[in-house]
Amino acid sequence: MSPDWDVVGYVISSDHRTMVLGRLAEGPATPTQIASDVDLSVTHVSRALSSLRDRDLVELLVPEDRRKGRVYGITAEGTEAWETIKTKDLSK
C-alpha cells in the first residue's frame, strides 16, 4: 500500500508531532514520559497528542475519564506514517 502523503505531510509539518509520534513508535507512554524522552514541555506534548489523536495516529490506552496516568500508544495508521517518515528520512 502506498503511503498516505497527506498524513505524512501533516505529521512532519510540526517538529512536536514528529517527535511525539516517533517516541510512541518505540512503545506506549504517558505525556510526562514522552516530554522527558524527547525534551519537550508537557504542554507541547499534550497539544501534539491531541492533534495526532484527531487523525487517528495515536490512541488513548486507558479509559477516557482517567485524568492521571493517561497512557498513549501508536495506531496502525500512525505506525504506517512513521515507517514512511523513517524510510524516506523525513524527520529532522
PDB file of N, CA and C in Angstrom:
ATOM      1  N   MET A   1       0.841  -1.190   0.000  1.00  0.00           N
ATOM      2  CA  MET A   1       0.000   0.000   0.000  1.00  0.00           C
ATOM      3  C   MET A   1       0.884   1.250   0.000  1.00  0.00           C
ATOM      4  N   SER A   2       0.516   2.225  -0.795  1.00  0.00           N
ATOM      5  CA  SER A   2       1.337   3.431  -0.847  1.00  0.00           C
ATOM      6  C   SER A   2       1.033   4.320   0.361  1.00  0.00           C
ATOM      7  N   PRO A   3       2.041   5.078   0.781  1.00  0.00           N
ATOM      8  CA  PRO A   3       1.854   5.925   1.971  1.00  0.00           C
ATOM      9  C   PRO A   3       0.806   7.007   1.745  1.00  0.00           C
ATOM     10  N   ASP A   4       0.166   7.389   2.823  1.00  0.00           N
ATOM     11  CA  ASP A   4      -0.789   8.490   2.760  1.00  0.00           C
ATOM     12  C   ASP A   4       0.016   9.774   2.980  1.00  0.00           C
ATOM     13  N   TRP A   5       0.362  10.429   1.876  1.00  0.00           N
ATOM     14  CA  TRP A   5       1.231  11.603   1.953  1.00  0.00           C
ATOM     15  C   TRP A   5       0.578  12.764   2.680  1.00  0.00           C
ATOM     16  N   ASP A   6      -0.753  12.796   2.669  1.00  0.00           N
ATOM     17  CA  ASP A   6      -1.465  13.840   3.393  1.00  0.00           C
ATOM     18  C   ASP A   6      -1.174  13.712   4.889  1.00  0.00           C
ATOM     19  N   VAL A   7      -1.239  12.484   5.373  1.00  0.00           N
ATOM     20  CA  VAL A   7      -0.973  12.205   6.788  1.00  0.00           C
ATOM     21  C   VAL A   7       0.500  12.458   7.109  1.00  0.00           C
ATOM     22  N   VAL A   8       1.389  11.947   6.262  1.00  0.00           N
ATOM     23  CA  VAL A   8       2.827  12.132   6.476  1.00  0.00           C
ATOM     24  C   VAL A   8       3.163  13.624   6.502  1.00  0.00           C
ATOM     25  N   GLY A   9       2.619  14.372   5.552  1.00  0.00           N
ATOM     26  CA  GLY A   9       2.855  15.810   5.486  1.00  0.00           C
ATOM     27  C   GLY A   9       2.357  16.520   6.729  1.00  0.00           C
ATOM     28  N   TYR A  10       1.205  16.078   7.221  1.00  0.00           N
ATOM     29  CA  TYR A  10       0.633  16.669   8.428  1.00  0.00           C
ATOM     30  C   TYR A  10       1.569  16.452   9.616  1.00  0.00           C
ATOM     31  N   VAL A  11       2.078  15.246   9.765  1.00  0.00           N
ATOM     32  CA  VAL A  11       2.957  14.941  10.901  1.00  0.00           C
ATOM     33  C   VAL A  11       4.255  15.745  10.804  1.00  0.00           C
ATOM     34  N   ILE A  12       4.907  15.711   9.646  1.00  0.00           N
ATOM     35  CA  ILE A  12       6.229  16.353   9.551  1.00  0.00           C
ATOM     36  C   ILE A  12       6.160  17.876   9.462  1.00  0.00           C
ATOM     37  N   SER A  13       4.967  18.426   9.326  1.00  0.00           N
ATOM     38  CA  SER A  13       4.858  19.889   9.328  1.00  0.00           C
ATOM     39  C   SER A  13       5.014  20.452  10.743  1.00  0.00           C
ATOM     40  N   SER A  14       5.098  19.583  11.726  1.00  0.00           N
ATOM     41  CA  SER A  14       5.320  20.003  13.111  1.00  0.00           C
ATOM     42  C   SER A  14       6.402  19.128  13.746  1.00  0.00           C
ATOM     43  N   ASP A  15       7.475  19.769  14.195  1.00  0.00           N
ATOM     44  CA  ASP A  15       8.535  19.022  14.885  1.00  0.00           C
ATOM     45  C   ASP A  15       7.973  18.287  16.095  1.00  0.00           C
ATOM     46  N   HIS A  16       7.047  18.950  16.812  1.00  0.00           N
ATOM     47  CA  HIS A  16       6.478  18.334  18.015  1.00  0.00           C
ATOM     48  C   HIS A  16       5.718  17.064  17.667  1.00  0.00           C
ATOM     49  N   ARG A  17       4.871  17.122  16.632  1.00  0.00           N
ATOM     50  CA  ARG A  17       4.125  15.922  16.228  1.00  0.00           C
ATOM     51  C   ARG A  17       5.085  14.818  15.801  1.00  0.00           C
ATOM     52  N   THR A  18       6.118  15.198  15.043  1.00  0.00           N
ATOM     53  CA  THR A  18       7.091  14.209  14.578  1.00  0.00           C
ATOM     54  C   THR A  18       7.800  13.548  15.754  1.00  0.00           C
ATOM     55  N   MET A  19       8.234  14.348  16.721  1.00  0.00           N
ATOM     56  CA  MET A  19       8.948  13.806  17.880  1.00  0.00           C
ATOM     57  C   MET A  19       8.048  12.908  18.732  1.00  0.00           C
ATOM     58  N   VAL A  20       6.805  13.334  18.925  1.00  0.00           N
ATOM     59  CA  VAL A  20       5.874  12.560  19.756  1.00  0.00           C
ATOM     60  C   VAL A  20       5.524  11.240  19.062  1.00  0.00           C
ATOM     61  N   LEU A  21       5.244  11.295  17.767  1.00  0.00           N
ATOM     62  CA  LEU A  21       4.905  10.058  17.047  1.00  0.00           C
ATOM     63  C   LEU A  21       6.103   9.109  17.046  1.00  0.00           C
ATOM     64  N   GLY A  22       7.284   9.660  16.838  1.00  0.00           N
ATOM     65  CA  GLY A  22       8.495   8.838  16.854  1.00  0.00           C
ATOM     66  C   GLY A  22       8.714   8.174  18.198  1.00  0.00           C
ATOM     67  N   ARG A  23       8.459   8.918  19.266  1.00  0.00           N
ATOM     68  CA  ARG A  23       8.618   8.341  20.614  1.00  0.00           C
ATOM     69  C   ARG A  23       7.606   7.224  20.838  1.00  0.00           C
ATOM     70  N   LEU A  24       6.358   7.440  20.401  1.00  0.00           N
ATOM     71  CA  LEU A  24       5.336   6.404  20.609  1.00  0.00           C
ATOM     72  C   LEU A  24       5.569   5.181  19.722  1.00  0.00           C
ATOM     73  N   ALA A  25       6.315   5.348  18.646  1.00  0.00           N
ATOM     74  CA  ALA A  25       6.659   4.198  17.792  1.00  0.00           C
ATOM     75  C   ALA A  25       7.533   3.214  18.572  1.00  0.00           C
ATOM     76  N   GLU A  26       8.200   3.709  19.621  1.00  0.00           N
ATOM     77  CA  GLU A  26       9.051   2.855  20.461  1.00  0.00           C
ATOM     78  C   GLU A  26       8.257   2.118  21.532  1.00  0.00           C
ATOM     79  N   GLY A  27       7.029   2.583  21.807  1.00  0.00           N
ATOM     80  CA  GLY A  27       6.211   1.928  22.810  1.00  0.00           C
ATOM     81  C   GLY A  27       5.304   2.929  23.503  1.00  0.00           C
ATOM     82  N   PRO A  28       4.231   2.437  24.149  1.00  0.00           N
ATOM     83  CA  PRO A  28       3.270   3.310  24.839  1.00  0.00           C
ATOM     84  C   PRO A  28       3.934   4.126  25.951  1.00  0.00           C
ATOM     85  N   ALA A  29       3.385   5.311  26.208  1.00  0.00           N
ATOM     86  CA  ALA A  29       3.951   6.175  27.251  1.00  0.00           C
ATOM     87  C   ALA A  29       2.925   7.210  27.685  1.00  0.00           C
ATOM     88  N   THR A  30       3.172   7.798  28.855  1.00  0.00           N
ATOM     89  CA  THR A  30       2.343   8.904  29.336  1.00  0.00           C
ATOM     90  C   THR A  30       2.908  10.205  28.749  1.00  0.00           C
ATOM     91  N   PRO A  31       2.105  11.265  28.728  1.00  0.00           N
ATOM     92  CA  PRO A  31       2.615  12.553  28.228  1.00  0.00           C
ATOM     93  C   PRO A  31       3.880  13.003  28.964  1.00  0.00           C
ATOM     94  N   THR A  32       3.948  12.766  30.274  1.00  0.00           N
ATOM     95  CA  THR A  32       5.121  13.163  31.056  1.00  0.00           C
ATOM     96  C   THR A  32       6.359  12.385  30.608  1.00  0.00           C
ATOM     97  N   GLN A  33       6.199  11.079  30.384  1.00  0.00           N
ATOM     98  CA  GLN A  33       7.321  10.256  29.911  1.00  0.00           C
ATOM     99  C   GLN A  33       7.788  10.734  28.540  1.00  0.00           C
ATOM    100  N   ILE A  34       6.823  10.989  27.648  1.00  0.00           N
ATOM    101  CA  ILE A  34       7.154  11.446  26.297  1.00  0.00           C
ATOM    102  C   ILE A  34       7.921  12.768  26.377  1.00  0.00           C
ATOM    103  N   ALA A  35       7.401  13.710  27.173  1.00  0.00           N
ATOM    104  CA  ALA A  35       8.033  15.022  27.322  1.00  0.00           C
ATOM    105  C   ALA A  35       9.480  14.879  27.778  1.00  0.00           C
ATOM    106  N   SER A  36       9.688  14.015  28.737  1.00  0.00           N
ATOM    107  CA  SER A  36      11.031  13.793  29.268  1.00  0.00           C
ATOM    108  C   SER A  36      11.926  13.124  28.217  1.00  0.00           C
ATOM    109  N   ASP A  37      11.404  12.147  27.492  1.00  0.00           N
ATOM    110  CA  ASP A  37      12.191  11.409  26.494  1.00  0.00           C
ATOM    111  C   ASP A  37      12.587  12.256  25.287  1.00  0.00           C
ATOM    112  N   VAL A  38      11.698  13.150  24.861  1.00  0.00           N
ATOM    113  CA  VAL A  38      12.008  13.942  23.658  1.00  0.00           C
ATOM    114  C   VAL A  38      12.369  15.391  23.991  1.00  0.00           C
ATOM    115  N   ASP A  39      12.457  15.692  25.269  1.00  0.00           N
ATOM    116  CA  ASP A  39      12.875  17.019  25.732  1.00  0.00           C
ATOM    117  C   ASP A  39      11.949  18.136  25.237  1.00  0.00           C
ATOM    118  N   LEU A  40      10.662  17.949  25.476  1.00  0.00           N
ATOM    119  CA  LEU A  40       9.654  18.972  25.172  1.00  0.00           C
ATOM    120  C   LEU A  40       8.858  19.241  26.440  1.00  0.00           C
ATOM    121  N   SER A  41       8.141  20.357  26.475  1.00  0.00           N
ATOM    122  CA  SER A  41       7.278  20.612  27.630  1.00  0.00           C
ATOM    123  C   SER A  41       6.039  19.721  27.518  1.00  0.00           C
ATOM    124  N   VAL A  42       5.436  19.401  28.644  1.00  0.00           N
ATOM    125  CA  VAL A  42       4.234  18.570  28.654  1.00  0.00           C
ATOM    126  C   VAL A  42       3.121  19.264  27.866  1.00  0.00           C
ATOM    127  N   THR A  43       3.077  20.586  27.898  1.00  0.00           N
ATOM    128  CA  THR A  43       2.068  21.334  27.140  1.00  0.00           C
ATOM    129  C   THR A  43       2.200  21.042  25.646  1.00  0.00           C
ATOM    130  N   HIS A  44       3.419  21.108  25.130  1.00  0.00           N
ATOM    131  CA  HIS A  44       3.637  20.823  23.710  1.00  0.00           C
ATOM    132  C   HIS A  44       3.290  19.376  23.372  1.00  0.00           C
ATOM    133  N   VAL A  45       3.669  18.465  24.256  1.00  0.00           N
ATOM    134  CA  VAL A  45       3.367  17.049  24.041  1.00  0.00           C
ATOM    135  C   VAL A  45       1.854  16.834  24.020  1.00  0.00           C
ATOM    136  N   SER A  46       1.149  17.436  24.976  1.00  0.00           N
ATOM    137  CA  SER A  46      -0.307  17.275  25.048  1.00  0.00           C
ATOM    138  C   SER A  46      -0.983  17.798  23.787  1.00  0.00           C
ATOM    139  N   ARG A  47      -0.515  18.949  23.309  1.00  0.00           N
ATOM    140  CA  ARG A  47      -1.079  19.525  22.094  1.00  0.00           C
ATOM    141  C   ARG A  47      -0.822  18.618  20.894  1.00  0.00           C
ATOM    142  N   ALA A  48       0.396  18.091  20.805  1.00  0.00           N
ATOM    143  CA  ALA A  48       0.752  17.185  19.706  1.00  0.00           C
ATOM    144  C   ALA A  48      -0.077  15.899  19.782  1.00  0.00           C
ATOM    145  N   LEU A  49      -0.224  15.360  20.989  1.00  0.00           N
ATOM    146  CA  LEU A  49      -1.021  14.134  21.163  1.00  0.00           C
ATOM    147  C   LEU A  49      -2.460  14.365  20.718  1.00  0.00           C
ATOM    148  N   SER A  50      -3.001  15.501  21.102  1.00  0.00           N
ATOM    149  CA  SER A  50      -4.374  15.821  20.753  1.00  0.00           C
ATOM    150  C   SER A  50      -4.560  15.874  19.234  1.00  0.00           C
ATOM    151  N   SER A  51      -3.647  16.547  18.542  1.00  0.00           N
ATOM    152  CA  SER A  51      -3.792  16.647  17.089  1.00  0.00           C
ATOM    153  C   SER A  51      -3.521  15.305  16.396  1.00  0.00           C
ATOM    154  N   LEU A  52      -2.590  14.525  16.923  1.00  0.00           N
ATOM    155  CA  LEU A  52      -2.326  13.196  16.345  1.00  0.00           C
ATOM    156  C   LEU A  52      -3.511  12.263  16.592  1.00  0.00           C
ATOM    157  N   ARG A  53      -4.147  12.447  17.726  1.00  0.00           N
ATOM    158  CA  ARG A  53      -5.312  11.634  18.066  1.00  0.00           C
ATOM    159  C   ARG A  53      -6.494  11.958  17.161  1.00  0.00           C
ATOM    160  N   ASP A  54      -6.640  13.241  16.833  1.00  0.00           N
ATOM    161  CA  ASP A  54      -7.711  13.654  15.921  1.00  0.00           C
ATOM    162  C   ASP A  54      -7.571  12.986  14.556  1.00  0.00           C
ATOM    163  N   ARG A  55      -6.351  12.648  14.200  1.00  0.00           N
ATOM    164  CA  ARG A  55      -6.081  11.998  12.908  1.00  0.00           C
ATOM    165  C   ARG A  55      -5.996  10.476  13.036  1.00  0.00           C
ATOM    166  N   ASP A  56      -6.309   9.953  14.229  1.00  0.00           N
ATOM    167  CA  ASP A  56      -6.241   8.505  14.493  1.00  0.00           C
ATOM    168  C   ASP A  56      -4.839   7.921  14.319  1.00  0.00           C
ATOM    169  N   LEU A  57      -3.831   8.710  14.662  1.00  0.00           N
ATOM    170  CA  LEU A  57      -2.453   8.223  14.568  1.00  0.00           C
ATOM    171  C   LEU A  57      -1.961   7.717  15.913  1.00  0.00           C
ATOM    172  N   VAL A  58      -2.556   8.227  16.983  1.00  0.00           N
ATOM    173  CA  VAL A  58      -2.282   7.716  18.323  1.00  0.00           C
ATOM    174  C   VAL A  58      -3.619   7.504  19.026  1.00  0.00           C
ATOM    175  N   GLU A  59      -3.590   6.671  20.062  1.00  0.00           N
ATOM    176  CA  GLU A  59      -4.830   6.405  20.799  1.00  0.00           C
ATOM    177  C   GLU A  59      -4.547   6.376  22.290  1.00  0.00           C
ATOM    178  N   LEU A  60      -5.578   6.684  23.043  1.00  0.00           N
ATOM    179  CA  LEU A  60      -5.508   6.618  24.495  1.00  0.00           C
ATOM    180  C   LEU A  60      -5.746   5.162  24.883  1.00  0.00           C
ATOM    181  N   LEU A  61      -4.842   4.594  25.665  1.00  0.00           N
ATOM    182  CA  LEU A  61      -4.926   3.166  26.004  1.00  0.00           C
ATOM    183  C   LEU A  61      -5.610   2.903  27.342  1.00  0.00           C
ATOM    184  N   VAL A  62      -6.021   3.956  28.030  1.00  0.00           N
ATOM    185  CA  VAL A  62      -6.733   3.811  29.309  1.00  0.00           C
ATOM    186  C   VAL A  62      -8.105   4.475  29.158  1.00  0.00           C
ATOM    187  N   PRO A  63      -9.024   4.236  30.101  1.00  0.00           N
ATOM    188  CA  PRO A  63     -10.353   4.853  29.977  1.00  0.00           C
ATOM    189  C   PRO A  63     -10.287   6.373  29.824  1.00  0.00           C
ATOM    190  N   GLU A  64     -11.150   6.905  29.006  1.00  0.00           N
ATOM    191  CA  GLU A  64     -11.215   8.325  28.680  1.00  0.00           C
ATOM    192  C   GLU A  64     -11.320   9.216  29.914  1.00  0.00           C
ATOM    193  N   ASP A  65     -12.054   8.755  30.937  1.00  0.00           N
ATOM    194  CA  ASP A  65     -12.293   9.599  32.113  1.00  0.00           C
ATOM    195  C   ASP A  65     -11.124   9.612  33.102  1.00  0.00           C
ATOM    196  N   ARG A  66     -10.096   8.856  32.809  1.00  0.00           N
ATOM    197  CA  ARG A  66      -8.935   8.823  33.692  1.00  0.00           C
ATOM    198  C   ARG A  66      -8.095  10.084  33.460  1.00  0.00           C
ATOM    199  N   ARG A  67      -7.818  10.810  34.509  1.00  0.00           N
ATOM    200  CA  ARG A  67      -7.076  12.073  34.381  1.00  0.00           C
ATOM    201  C   ARG A  67      -5.583  11.893  34.608  1.00  0.00           C
ATOM    202  N   LYS A  68      -5.226  10.990  35.509  1.00  0.00           N
ATOM    203  CA  LYS A  68      -3.808  10.764  35.811  1.00  0.00           C
ATOM    204  C   LYS A  68      -3.364   9.452  35.183  1.00  0.00           C
ATOM    205  N   GLY A  69      -2.115   9.411  34.775  1.00  0.00           N
ATOM    206  CA  GLY A  69      -1.580   8.169  34.216  1.00  0.00           C
ATOM    207  C   GLY A  69      -2.216   7.790  32.900  1.00  0.00           C
ATOM    208  N   ARG A  70      -2.477   8.791  32.067  1.00  0.00           N
ATOM    209  CA  ARG A  70      -3.041   8.527  30.741  1.00  0.00           C
ATOM    210  C   ARG A  70      -1.934   8.001  29.836  1.00  0.00           C
ATOM    211  N   VAL A  71      -2.112   6.775  29.365  1.00  0.00           N
ATOM    212  CA  VAL A  71      -1.091   6.142  28.533  1.00  0.00           C
ATOM    213  C   VAL A  71      -1.544   6.166  27.081  1.00  0.00           C
ATOM    214  N   TYR A  72      -0.655   6.617  26.200  1.00  0.00           N
ATOM    215  CA  TYR A  72      -0.957   6.690  24.777  1.00  0.00           C
ATOM    216  C   TYR A  72      -0.121   5.680  24.015  1.00  0.00           C
ATOM    217  N   GLY A  73      -0.689   5.208  22.919  1.00  0.00           N
ATOM    218  CA  GLY A  73       0.035   4.292  22.046  1.00  0.00           C
ATOM    219  C   GLY A  73      -0.185   4.705  20.598  1.00  0.00           C
ATOM    220  N   ILE A  74       0.635   4.178  19.720  1.00  0.00           N
ATOM    221  CA  ILE A  74       0.540   4.497  18.300  1.00  0.00           C
ATOM    222  C   ILE A  74      -0.443   3.522  17.630  1.00  0.00           C
ATOM    223  N   THR A  75      -1.214   3.991  16.676  1.00  0.00           N
ATOM    224  CA  THR A  75      -2.157   3.126  15.961  1.00  0.00           C
ATOM    225  C   THR A  75      -1.462   2.526  14.739  1.00  0.00           C
ATOM    226  N   ALA A  76      -2.151   1.606  14.060  1.00  0.00           N
ATOM    227  CA  ALA A  76      -1.599   1.004  12.842  1.00  0.00           C
ATOM    228  C   ALA A  76      -1.330   2.093  11.799  1.00  0.00           C
ATOM    229  N   GLU A  77      -2.262   3.035  11.706  1.00  0.00           N
ATOM    230  CA  GLU A  77      -2.100   4.148  10.769  1.00  0.00           C
ATOM    231  C   GLU A  77      -0.896   5.013  11.143  1.00  0.00           C
ATOM    232  N   GLY A  78      -0.739   5.241  12.439  1.00  0.00           N
ATOM    233  CA  GLY A  78       0.393   6.018  12.931  1.00  0.00           C
ATOM    234  C   GLY A  78       1.710   5.318  12.641  1.00  0.00           C
ATOM    235  N   THR A  79       1.725   4.003  12.830  1.00  0.00           N
ATOM    236  CA  THR A  79       2.927   3.209  12.557  1.00  0.00           C
ATOM    237  C   THR A  79       3.287   3.296  11.080  1.00  0.00           C
ATOM    238  N   GLU A  80       2.270   3.201  10.238  1.00  0.00           N
ATOM    239  CA  GLU A  80       2.480   3.283   8.792  1.00  0.00           C
ATOM    240  C   GLU A  80       3.083   4.638   8.407  1.00  0.00           C
ATOM    241  N   ALA A  81       2.524   5.701   8.958  1.00  0.00           N
ATOM    242  CA  ALA A  81       3.038   7.047   8.686  1.00  0.00           C
ATOM    243  C   ALA A  81       4.472   7.165   9.180  1.00  0.00           C
ATOM    244  N   TRP A  82       4.735   6.649  10.382  1.00  0.00           N
ATOM    245  CA  TRP A  82       6.078   6.745  10.955  1.00  0.00           C
ATOM    246  C   TRP A  82       7.090   5.966  10.118  1.00  0.00           C
ATOM    247  N   GLU A  83       6.707   4.772   9.644  1.00  0.00           N
ATOM    248  CA  GLU A  83       7.604   3.972   8.795  1.00  0.00           C
ATOM    249  C   GLU A  83       8.002   4.756   7.549  1.00  0.00           C
ATOM    250  N   THR A  84       7.032   5.445   6.951  1.00  0.00           N
ATOM    251  CA  THR A  84       7.303   6.262   5.762  1.00  0.00           C
ATOM    252  C   THR A  84       8.264   7.388   6.115  1.00  0.00           C
ATOM    253  N   ILE A  85       7.994   8.059   7.230  1.00  0.00           N
ATOM    254  CA  ILE A  85       8.859   9.167   7.667  1.00  0.00           C
ATOM    255  C   ILE A  85      10.288   8.678   7.894  1.00  0.00           C
ATOM    256  N   LYS A  86      10.417   7.514   8.525  1.00  0.00           N
ATOM    257  CA  LYS A  86      11.754   6.952   8.803  1.00  0.00           C
ATOM    258  C   LYS A  86      12.458   6.499   7.523  1.00  0.00           C
ATOM    259  N   THR A  87      11.769   5.728   6.681  1.00  0.00           N
ATOM    260  CA  THR A  87      12.421   5.176   5.494  1.00  0.00           C
ATOM    261  C   THR A  87      12.777   6.258   4.480  1.00  0.00           C
ATOM    262  N   LYS A  88      12.000   7.305   4.425  1.00  0.00           N
ATOM    263  CA  LYS A  88      12.285   8.402   3.491  1.00  0.00           C
ATOM    264  C   LYS A  88      13.131   9.488   4.161  1.00  0.00           C
ATOM    265  N   ASP A  89      13.510   9.236   5.428  1.00  0.00           N
ATOM    266  CA  ASP A  89      14.340  10.172   6.193  1.00  0.00           C
ATOM    267  C   ASP A  89      13.747  11.578   6.228  1.00  0.00           C
ATOM    268  N   LEU A  90      12.458  11.662   6.591  1.00  0.00           N
ATOM    269  CA  LEU A  90      11.751  12.939   6.607  1.00  0.00           C
ATOM    270  C   LEU A  90      11.731  13.606   7.976  1.00  0.00           C
ATOM    271  N   SER A  91      12.183  12.885   9.011  1.00  0.00           N
ATOM    272  CA  SER A  91      12.220  13.515  10.333  1.00  0.00           C
ATOM    273  C   SER A  91      13.515  14.299  10.451  1.00  0.00           C
ATOM    274  N   LYS A  92      13.468  15.378  11.193  1.00  0.00           N
ATOM    275  CA  LYS A  92      14.644  16.263  11.280  1.00  0.00           C
ATOM    276  C   LYS A  92      15.681  15.704  12.231  1.00  0.00           C
TER     277      LYS A  92
END
